[in-house]
Amino acid sequence: MDGFYDVHCHLIPEVDDGSESVAESLAALRQEYEEGIRYVICTPHIAPGEIAAADCQSRQFALLQKAVSKSDLAGGIELNIGNEIYGAAPCVQSLQDGLIHTLAAGHYVLIEFAPVETFRHIEKTFRSLLNSGYLPIAAHIERYECLRAKDALAELEELGVYFQVNTGTVTGSPFLRETRWVRKLLREERIHFLGTDSHGMHYRPPRMKEAAAWVEKHCNAEYAEKLLHKNPECILRDELI
């Protein structure tokens, strides 16, 4: 499958703090296309129990798909739906009840936490998801201070948790602590997915080319191929990495 993948973005219009209109969503998707992205998983925020929000997101996603089909993007970019799920205790039950979207209707789930969340809560949430048959991806891990503690990432890796970082962090200033840490992890081949975490054109427009170029320049070629293509393709195929 040619092209890049964006597994984390907020481009469904009027459902969270992302895109504010269909027009903005289409503009952002055009930029995704210009950045070489051909596969997009839209992941609006959701917390367990937000049934009305989930229904609205599904309706708005269908509206966006229809708009794309009538635009110059028709046939050029593939859209799927998921959620960026707040990692609270009821999330497993909400997933099992079909009230929250997995990524592209498979077993992968994108999970976020408060930046100050404790490691034990994060570990407990992921263990619960894994025991229930889901494949959890920790969203933008650069935000969680507790994951920088010695052996924290290794413990989650041992469980079977996957890690996603934002493209903007990869290409950030080397003076930024988050960027230095993420680049170190990339060189160590410990990151599984990149995502733009775009919230539309008004906040964090989608960028992929520069981050992909950094990976291709500074990382092993086989790992770069997995990170940029093979791993996200596994989400769409619902296959294990």
Protein backbone atom coordinates (compact mmCIF):
# COMPACT_ATOMS: atom_id res chain seq x y z
CA MET A 1 0.00 0.00 0.00
CA ASP A 2 1.54 3.28 -1.14
CA GLY A 3 1.57 6.53 0.80
CA PHE A 4 1.82 7.45 4.45
CA TYR A 5 -0.72 6.77 7.20
CA ASP A 6 -2.13 9.14 9.80
CA VAL A 7 -3.46 7.04 12.67
CA HIS A 8 -4.28 9.95 14.99
CA CYS A 9 -6.13 13.11 13.97
CA HIS A 10 -9.24 15.13 14.77
CA LEU A 11 -10.74 15.90 11.37
CA ILE A 12 -14.37 14.85 11.76
CA PRO A 13 -16.18 18.20 11.80
CA GLU A 14 -17.88 19.61 14.88
CA VAL A 15 -17.47 16.66 17.25
CA ASP A 16 -14.59 17.64 19.55
CA ASP A 17 -11.89 20.32 19.72
CA GLY A 18 -10.76 19.51 16.18
CA SER A 19 -12.15 20.59 12.83
CA GLU A 20 -14.94 23.12 13.12
CA SER A 21 -16.62 22.55 9.73
CA VAL A 22 -16.77 20.26 6.72
CA ALA A 23 -14.87 22.89 4.75
CA GLU A 24 -12.05 22.88 7.30
CA SER A 25 -11.98 19.08 7.29
CA LEU A 26 -11.66 19.01 3.52
CA ALA A 27 -8.88 21.62 3.63
CA ALA A 28 -7.00 19.55 6.22
CA LEU A 29 -7.47 16.36 4.22
CA ARG A 30 -6.09 18.12 1.14
CA GLN A 31 -3.04 19.01 3.19
CA GLU A 32 -2.81 15.40 4.39
CA TYR A 33 -2.74 14.40 0.72
CA GLU A 34 -0.06 16.98 -0.09
CA GLU A 35 1.99 15.57 2.79
CA GLY A 36 1.92 12.16 1.12
CA ILE A 37 -0.74 10.67 3.40
CA ARG A 38 -3.20 8.33 1.69
CA TYR A 39 -4.78 6.61 4.70
CA VAL A 40 -6.38 8.53 7.55
CA ILE A 41 -7.95 7.22 10.74
CA CYS A 42 -10.04 9.96 12.30
CA THR A 43 -9.84 9.68 16.09
CA PRO A 44 -12.10 12.16 17.89
CA HIS A 45 -11.81 12.40 21.65
CA ILE A 46 -14.22 10.35 23.69
CA ALA A 47 -14.59 9.30 27.31
CA PRO A 48 -16.39 6.16 28.50
CA GLY A 49 -20.12 6.69 28.79
CA GLU A 50 -20.41 9.44 26.17
CA ILE A 51 -23.06 7.59 24.15
CA ALA A 52 -24.48 10.72 22.54
CA ALA A 53 -21.00 11.80 21.49
CA ALA A 54 -20.30 8.43 19.86
CA ASP A 55 -23.53 8.57 17.86
CA CYS A 56 -22.81 12.13 16.75
CA GLN A 57 -19.28 11.19 15.70
CA SER A 58 -20.57 8.35 13.53
CA ARG A 59 -23.09 10.63 11.83
CA GLN A 60 -20.53 13.36 11.23
CA PHE A 61 -18.01 10.85 9.90
CA ALA A 62 -20.58 9.66 7.34
CA LEU A 63 -21.15 13.31 6.40
CA LEU A 64 -17.40 13.79 5.91
CA GLN A 65 -17.11 10.65 3.80
CA LYS A 66 -19.90 11.90 1.57
CA ALA A 67 -18.21 15.30 1.22
CA VAL A 68 -14.90 13.65 0.31
CA SER A 69 -16.62 11.46 -2.30
CA LYS A 70 -17.91 14.59 -4.03
CA SER A 71 -14.61 16.48 -3.85
CA ASP A 72 -11.30 16.43 -5.67
CA LEU A 73 -10.09 13.97 -3.00
CA ALA A 74 -12.44 11.22 -4.18
CA GLY A 75 -10.48 8.01 -4.69
CA GLY A 76 -7.27 9.63 -3.47
CA ILE A 77 -7.49 9.22 0.28
CA GLU A 78 -9.01 6.48 2.42
CA LEU A 79 -10.86 7.40 5.60
CA ASN A 80 -11.53 5.23 8.62
CA ILE A 81 -12.96 6.04 12.02
CA GLY A 82 -11.65 5.33 15.50
CA ASN A 83 -11.50 7.19 18.79
CA GLU A 84 -8.87 8.69 21.02
CA ILE A 85 -10.20 7.17 24.22
CA TYR A 86 -9.61 8.66 27.63
CA GLY A 87 -8.14 5.86 29.72
CA ALA A 88 -10.66 5.61 32.53
CA ALA A 89 -11.82 2.42 34.23
CA PRO A 90 -15.10 1.91 32.24
CA CYS A 91 -13.46 2.08 28.80
CA VAL A 92 -13.34 -1.72 28.36
CA GLN A 93 -17.06 -2.07 29.00
CA SER A 94 -17.83 0.82 26.64
CA LEU A 95 -15.75 -0.86 23.93
CA GLN A 96 -17.46 -4.20 24.47
CA ASP A 97 -20.85 -2.50 24.29
CA GLY A 98 -19.91 -0.90 20.96
CA LEU A 99 -20.17 2.62 22.38
CA ILE A 100 -16.59 3.54 21.46
CA HIS A 101 -14.82 3.01 18.14
CA THR A 102 -11.78 0.81 17.84
CA LEU A 103 -9.35 1.85 15.09
CA ALA A 104 -10.76 0.94 11.67
CA ALA A 105 -13.20 -1.51 13.31
CA GLY A 106 -10.37 -3.84 14.35
CA HIS A 107 -8.77 -4.72 17.67
CA TYR A 108 -6.41 -1.75 17.97
CA VAL A 109 -7.46 1.08 20.31
CA LEU A 110 -5.86 4.50 20.80
CA ILE A 111 -5.68 5.48 24.47
CA GLU A 112 -4.77 8.81 26.06
CA PHE A 113 -4.29 9.92 29.65
CA ALA A 114 -3.85 13.13 31.57
CA PRO A 115 -0.21 14.25 31.36
CA VAL A 116 0.11 13.89 35.15
CA GLU A 117 -1.44 10.41 35.32
CA THR A 118 0.35 7.86 37.46
CA PHE A 119 2.19 4.96 35.90
CA ARG A 120 0.21 2.41 37.89
CA HIS A 121 -3.10 3.72 36.55
CA ILE A 122 -1.74 3.62 33.00
CA GLU A 123 -0.40 0.10 33.47
CA LYS A 124 -3.67 -1.10 35.02
CA THR A 125 -5.73 0.37 32.16
CA PHE A 126 -3.57 -1.28 29.51
CA ARG A 127 -3.56 -4.61 31.31
CA SER A 128 -7.37 -4.55 31.42
CA LEU A 129 -7.58 -3.77 27.70
CA LEU A 130 -5.12 -6.51 26.78
CA ASN A 131 -6.90 -9.07 28.97
CA SER A 132 -10.10 -8.21 27.09
CA GLY A 133 -8.56 -8.88 23.68
CA TYR A 134 -7.73 -5.33 22.56
CA LEU A 135 -4.41 -4.08 21.20
CA PRO A 136 -3.75 -0.76 22.96
CA ILE A 137 -1.71 2.07 21.49
CA ALA A 138 -0.55 4.75 23.91
CA ALA A 139 -1.23 8.11 22.25
CA HIS A 140 1.49 10.77 22.13
CA ILE A 141 3.65 9.15 24.81
CA GLU A 142 5.91 12.19 24.93
CA ARG A 143 3.31 13.90 27.13
CA TYR A 144 3.44 11.49 30.06
CA GLU A 145 6.14 12.31 32.54
CA CYS A 146 5.80 8.99 34.35
CA LEU A 147 6.84 7.05 31.25
CA ARG A 148 10.32 8.55 31.42
CA ALA A 149 11.05 6.77 34.67
CA LYS A 150 13.50 3.90 34.47
CA ASP A 151 11.91 0.69 33.11
CA ALA A 152 8.44 2.28 32.67
CA LEU A 153 8.35 1.86 28.89
CA ALA A 154 9.97 -1.56 29.14
CA GLU A 155 7.21 -2.71 31.48
CA LEU A 156 4.52 -1.60 29.05
CA GLU A 157 6.41 -3.12 26.12
CA GLU A 158 6.53 -6.42 28.00
CA LEU A 159 2.75 -6.29 28.39
CA GLY A 160 2.27 -5.73 24.65
CA VAL A 161 1.43 -2.01 24.54
CA TYR A 162 2.28 -0.04 21.38
CA PHE A 163 3.54 3.55 21.33
CA GLN A 164 2.56 6.50 19.13
CA VAL A 165 4.27 9.89 18.96
CA ASN A 166 3.24 13.08 17.19
CA THR A 167 5.05 14.13 14.04
CA GLY A 168 5.40 17.66 15.38
CA THR A 169 7.44 16.36 18.30
CA VAL A 170 9.78 14.48 15.97
CA THR A 171 10.50 17.68 14.06
CA GLY A 172 10.59 19.98 17.06
CA SER A 173 13.57 21.93 18.32
CA PRO A 174 16.42 19.75 19.66
CA PHE A 175 16.35 22.07 22.66
CA LEU A 176 12.94 20.64 23.60
CA ARG A 177 13.14 17.80 26.10
CA GLU A 178 10.22 15.98 24.49
CA THR A 179 11.84 16.07 21.05
CA ARG A 180 15.17 14.80 22.33
CA TRP A 181 13.45 11.91 24.13
CA VAL A 182 11.29 10.95 21.15
CA ARG A 183 14.26 11.00 18.79
CA LYS A 184 16.18 8.77 21.18
CA LEU A 185 13.31 6.30 21.25
CA LEU A 186 13.08 6.35 17.46
CA ARG A 187 16.78 5.57 17.14
CA GLU A 188 16.23 2.70 19.60
CA GLU A 189 13.31 1.50 17.41
CA ARG A 190 10.82 1.61 20.29
CA ILE A 191 8.08 3.69 18.63
CA HIS A 192 5.44 1.87 16.59
CA PHE A 193 3.32 4.63 15.04
CA LEU A 194 3.44 8.27 13.98
CA GLY A 195 0.36 10.49 13.96
CA THR A 196 -0.17 14.13 13.12
CA ASP A 197 -2.70 14.69 15.93
CA SER A 198 -4.00 17.41 13.64
CA HIS A 199 -7.01 19.34 14.92
CA GLY A 200 -7.75 20.86 11.53
CA MET A 201 -6.27 23.90 9.84
CA HIS A 202 -6.82 26.19 12.84
CA TYR A 203 -4.69 24.13 15.21
CA ARG A 204 -1.84 21.79 14.35
CA PRO A 205 -2.37 21.41 10.57
CA PRO A 206 -1.29 17.96 9.38
CA ARG A 207 2.43 17.47 8.76
CA MET A 208 4.12 14.19 7.88
CA LYS A 209 6.83 14.66 5.24
CA GLU A 210 9.41 16.30 7.49
CA ALA A 211 9.01 13.71 10.26
CA ALA A 212 9.18 10.86 7.76
CA ALA A 213 12.35 12.35 6.27
CA TRP A 214 13.93 12.57 9.72
CA VAL A 215 13.13 8.91 10.38
CA GLU A 216 14.48 7.81 7.02
CA LYS A 217 17.69 9.76 7.58
CA HIS A 218 18.41 8.80 11.19
CA CYS A 219 16.92 5.31 11.58
CA ASN A 220 17.53 1.88 10.15
CA ALA A 221 15.82 1.50 6.77
CA GLU A 222 13.94 -1.64 7.76
CA TYR A 223 12.62 0.03 10.92
CA ALA A 224 11.63 3.16 8.97
CA GLU A 225 9.60 1.02 6.58
CA LYS A 226 7.81 -0.63 9.48
CA LEU A 227 7.10 2.64 11.27
CA LEU A 228 5.90 4.56 8.22
CA HIS A 229 4.10 1.80 6.33
CA LYS A 230 3.95 -1.76 7.63
CA ASN A 231 2.86 -1.10 11.21
CA PRO A 232 -0.07 1.22 10.37
CA GLU A 233 -1.07 -1.11 7.55
CA CYS A 234 -1.48 -3.79 10.23
CA ILE A 235 -4.10 -1.59 11.90
CA LEU A 236 -6.15 -1.45 8.72
CA ARG A 237 -5.73 -5.20 8.14
CA ASP A 238 -6.37 -5.92 11.83
CA GLU A 239 -3.17 -7.94 12.02
CA LEU A 240 -0.54 -8.18 14.71
CA ILE A 241 2.66 -6.24 14.14
